[in-house]
Amino acid sequence: MATLIVDQYVSVDGMAEARDGGSSFFQDFEGLAETEQDHLDDLQNLQAIVLGANTYRMFAKFWPKADGPLAALINQTPKHVLSGSLTEAPWGKHAPAVIERDSLRRTIVQLGEQHAGDIVVWGSLQLCAALFEEDLVDVLRLWTVPVLVGAGRGFTPPKLDLRKLKLATSKTYSSGVIAATYAVR
């Protein structure tokens, strides 16, 4: 059975998306370069990537053309897009993403049965909120960037009940980024 991991970059005030709907607060942060090897190490058991339609569109514009070990890993890993509106999901010269139209729970359970390693969800804030609502998340990996954005959007649903997490690992980088991995269930 696979482990479902929500992997998010967030501001210190917990936002995964800024007030303007963008994520430049972490994309433009130069200090993330020092986290790349650890991020790659965390992805050693990656079997599949799950994305929402909006994040798929953003990723599909960037990652198929990107270079480096992280790009290679993302490009070769099977991708699944949960969408009721997409009719195709090309990924540059790489294998296209699979569009999943079944219910969220059924899709995640089936993917979990198909894979023995990790399934990672990046971005996809609406999808992440639904995964937390459905209690499907096994691990939460946060990369906290040392900025405050004031207002924006988190990755959990607004009405989420209190959930206690267990810290599995943490690391602080010289840039001020803090990486923390939590067991959710």
Protein backbone atom coordinates (compact mmCIF):
# COMPACT_ATOMS: atom_id res chain seq x y z
CA MET A 1 0.00 0.00 0.00
CA ALA A 2 1.36 3.39 -0.96
CA THR A 3 1.91 6.35 1.34
CA LEU A 4 0.07 9.53 0.30
CA ILE A 5 2.27 12.58 0.95
CA VAL A 6 1.15 16.19 0.68
CA ASP A 7 4.33 18.16 -0.05
CA GLN A 8 3.90 21.95 0.15
CA TYR A 9 5.95 25.11 0.17
CA VAL A 10 4.41 27.58 2.61
CA SER A 11 5.12 31.00 4.07
CA VAL A 12 5.79 31.34 7.80
CA ASP A 13 2.16 32.41 8.21
CA GLY A 14 1.02 29.16 6.59
CA MET A 15 0.04 30.32 3.14
CA ALA A 16 0.67 28.08 0.12
CA GLU A 17 -0.64 30.79 -2.20
CA ALA A 18 -0.33 34.56 -1.79
CA ARG A 19 -3.21 37.03 -1.81
CA ASP A 20 -2.78 37.56 -5.57
CA GLY A 21 -3.17 33.82 -6.22
CA GLY A 22 0.50 33.39 -7.02
CA SER A 23 3.36 31.49 -5.48
CA SER A 24 6.26 33.78 -6.36
CA PHE A 25 7.06 34.17 -2.65
CA PHE A 26 8.71 30.75 -2.78
CA GLN A 27 9.40 30.37 -6.51
CA ASP A 28 11.58 33.48 -6.45
CA PHE A 29 13.23 32.61 -3.15
CA GLU A 30 16.90 31.95 -3.90
CA GLY A 31 17.44 29.90 -0.75
CA LEU A 32 15.54 26.88 -2.08
CA ALA A 33 18.54 25.74 -4.11
CA GLU A 34 20.17 24.42 -0.94
CA THR A 35 17.15 22.20 -0.24
CA GLU A 36 17.13 20.42 -3.61
CA GLN A 37 19.27 17.41 -2.66
CA ASP A 38 17.26 16.78 0.50
CA HIS A 39 14.06 17.10 -1.50
CA LEU A 40 15.40 14.54 -3.96
CA ASP A 41 16.37 12.25 -1.08
CA ASP A 42 12.82 12.53 0.28
CA LEU A 43 11.52 11.38 -3.11
CA GLN A 44 13.54 8.15 -3.33
CA ASN A 45 10.40 6.02 -3.09
CA LEU A 46 8.26 8.16 -5.41
CA GLN A 47 5.90 5.98 -7.46
CA ALA A 48 3.28 8.47 -8.65
CA ILE A 49 2.38 12.16 -8.65
CA VAL A 50 -1.19 13.35 -8.15
CA LEU A 51 -2.19 16.84 -9.27
CA GLY A 52 -5.29 18.94 -9.58
CA ALA A 53 -6.08 20.44 -12.99
CA ASN A 54 -4.72 23.94 -12.24
CA THR A 55 -1.41 22.70 -10.86
CA TYR A 56 -1.15 20.23 -13.75
CA ARG A 57 -1.44 23.15 -16.20
CA MET A 58 1.31 25.10 -14.39
CA PHE A 59 3.59 22.08 -14.06
CA ALA A 60 3.08 20.95 -17.67
CA LYS A 61 4.33 24.34 -18.90
CA PHE A 62 7.52 24.14 -16.84
CA TRP A 63 8.73 20.65 -15.89
CA PRO A 64 8.85 18.91 -19.31
CA LYS A 65 11.36 21.55 -20.47
CA ALA A 66 13.33 21.78 -17.21
CA ASP A 67 16.74 20.22 -16.61
CA GLY A 68 18.34 18.62 -13.60
CA PRO A 69 17.72 15.63 -11.35
CA LEU A 70 14.40 16.87 -9.91
CA ALA A 71 13.02 17.56 -13.39
CA ALA A 72 14.14 14.13 -14.57
CA LEU A 73 12.40 12.48 -11.62
CA ILE A 74 9.18 14.42 -12.13
CA ASN A 75 9.17 13.82 -15.88
CA GLN A 76 9.68 10.06 -15.63
CA THR A 77 7.22 9.46 -12.76
CA PRO A 78 3.62 8.57 -13.66
CA LYS A 79 1.30 11.51 -13.15
CA HIS A 80 -2.42 11.43 -12.38
CA VAL A 81 -4.62 14.50 -12.74
CA LEU A 82 -7.94 14.57 -10.94
CA SER A 83 -10.17 16.55 -13.26
CA GLY A 84 -13.68 16.56 -14.59
CA SER A 85 -12.85 19.12 -17.28
CA LEU A 86 -9.56 18.10 -18.92
CA THR A 87 -9.82 15.92 -22.02
CA GLU A 88 -6.09 15.32 -22.38
CA ALA A 89 -3.00 15.86 -20.25
CA PRO A 90 0.15 15.97 -22.40
CA TRP A 91 3.56 16.24 -20.72
CA GLY A 92 5.90 17.47 -23.45
CA LYS A 93 7.85 14.61 -25.03
CA HIS A 94 7.19 12.42 -21.99
CA ALA A 95 4.28 10.10 -21.27
CA PRO A 96 1.08 12.07 -20.72
CA ALA A 97 -0.58 12.27 -17.35
CA VAL A 98 -3.55 10.01 -16.73
CA ILE A 99 -6.80 11.88 -16.19
CA GLU A 100 -8.70 10.44 -13.25
CA ARG A 101 -12.46 11.02 -13.27
CA ASP A 102 -13.54 8.64 -10.52
CA SER A 103 -14.34 9.84 -7.01
CA LEU A 104 -11.45 11.23 -5.00
CA ARG A 105 -11.56 8.45 -2.43
CA ARG A 106 -11.81 5.67 -5.01
CA THR A 107 -8.98 7.14 -7.11
CA ILE A 108 -6.61 7.51 -4.16
CA VAL A 109 -7.44 4.05 -2.80
CA GLN A 110 -6.86 2.48 -6.24
CA LEU A 111 -3.58 4.31 -6.71
CA GLY A 112 -2.54 3.24 -3.22
CA GLU A 113 -3.24 -0.38 -4.11
CA GLN A 114 -1.31 -0.11 -7.40
CA HIS A 115 1.84 1.33 -5.86
CA ALA A 116 4.06 0.19 -3.00
CA GLY A 117 5.99 3.43 -2.55
CA ASP A 118 5.09 7.09 -2.20
CA ILE A 119 2.41 9.07 -3.97
CA VAL A 120 3.06 12.81 -3.77
CA VAL A 121 0.66 15.72 -4.16
CA TRP A 122 2.23 19.12 -4.91
CA GLY A 123 0.36 22.41 -5.04
CA SER A 124 -3.22 21.47 -5.94
CA LEU A 125 -4.69 23.38 -3.00
CA GLN A 126 -8.31 22.48 -3.65
CA LEU A 127 -7.34 18.82 -4.04
CA CYS A 128 -5.22 18.92 -0.84
CA ALA A 129 -8.12 20.38 1.11
CA ALA A 130 -10.36 17.58 -0.15
CA LEU A 131 -7.74 14.94 0.73
CA PHE A 132 -7.61 16.27 4.31
CA GLU A 133 -11.42 16.37 4.48
CA GLU A 134 -11.53 12.73 3.38
CA ASP A 135 -8.74 11.79 5.84
CA LEU A 136 -6.61 10.31 3.06
CA VAL A 137 -3.29 12.01 3.83
CA ASP A 138 -0.62 9.85 5.49
CA VAL A 139 2.29 12.31 5.59
CA LEU A 140 2.58 16.10 5.43
CA ARG A 141 5.90 17.53 4.26
CA LEU A 142 6.24 21.31 4.66
CA TRP A 143 9.00 23.51 3.30
CA THR A 144 8.53 26.77 5.22
CA VAL A 145 10.05 29.77 3.45
CA PRO A 146 11.06 32.69 5.70
CA VAL A 147 8.53 35.21 4.40
CA LEU A 148 5.18 36.55 5.58
CA VAL A 149 2.53 37.08 2.91
CA GLY A 150 -0.21 38.41 5.20
CA ALA A 151 -3.14 36.79 3.44
CA GLY A 152 -3.66 34.08 0.90
CA ARG A 153 -4.72 30.49 0.79
CA GLY A 154 -3.65 27.48 2.77
CA PHE A 155 -3.81 23.85 1.73
CA THR A 156 -6.33 22.58 4.30
CA PRO A 157 -10.09 23.09 4.31
CA PRO A 158 -11.35 26.01 6.44
CA LYS A 159 -13.54 23.73 8.56
CA LEU A 160 -10.91 21.09 9.26
CA ASP A 161 -11.21 19.68 12.76
CA LEU A 162 -8.19 19.68 15.04
CA ARG A 163 -5.71 17.02 13.96
CA LYS A 164 -2.65 16.22 15.98
CA LEU A 165 0.44 15.43 13.95
CA LYS A 166 3.61 13.61 14.89
CA LEU A 167 6.88 15.23 13.86
CA ALA A 168 8.99 12.68 11.97
CA THR A 169 11.88 14.85 10.77
CA SER A 170 12.93 18.48 10.67
CA LYS A 171 15.84 20.45 9.30
CA THR A 172 16.73 24.12 9.20
CA TYR A 173 18.76 25.53 6.32
CA SER A 174 21.09 28.54 6.36
CA SER A 175 18.63 30.40 4.09
CA GLY A 176 16.01 30.17 6.84
CA VAL A 177 13.94 27.47 5.13
CA ILE A 178 12.62 24.88 7.57
CA ALA A 179 11.72 21.42 6.29
CA ALA A 180 9.41 19.38 8.50
CA THR A 181 7.77 16.04 7.89
CA TYR A 182 4.75 14.99 9.95
CA ALA A 183 2.89 11.71 10.25
CA VAL A 184 -0.78 12.60 9.80
CA ARG A 185 -2.28 9.19 10.56
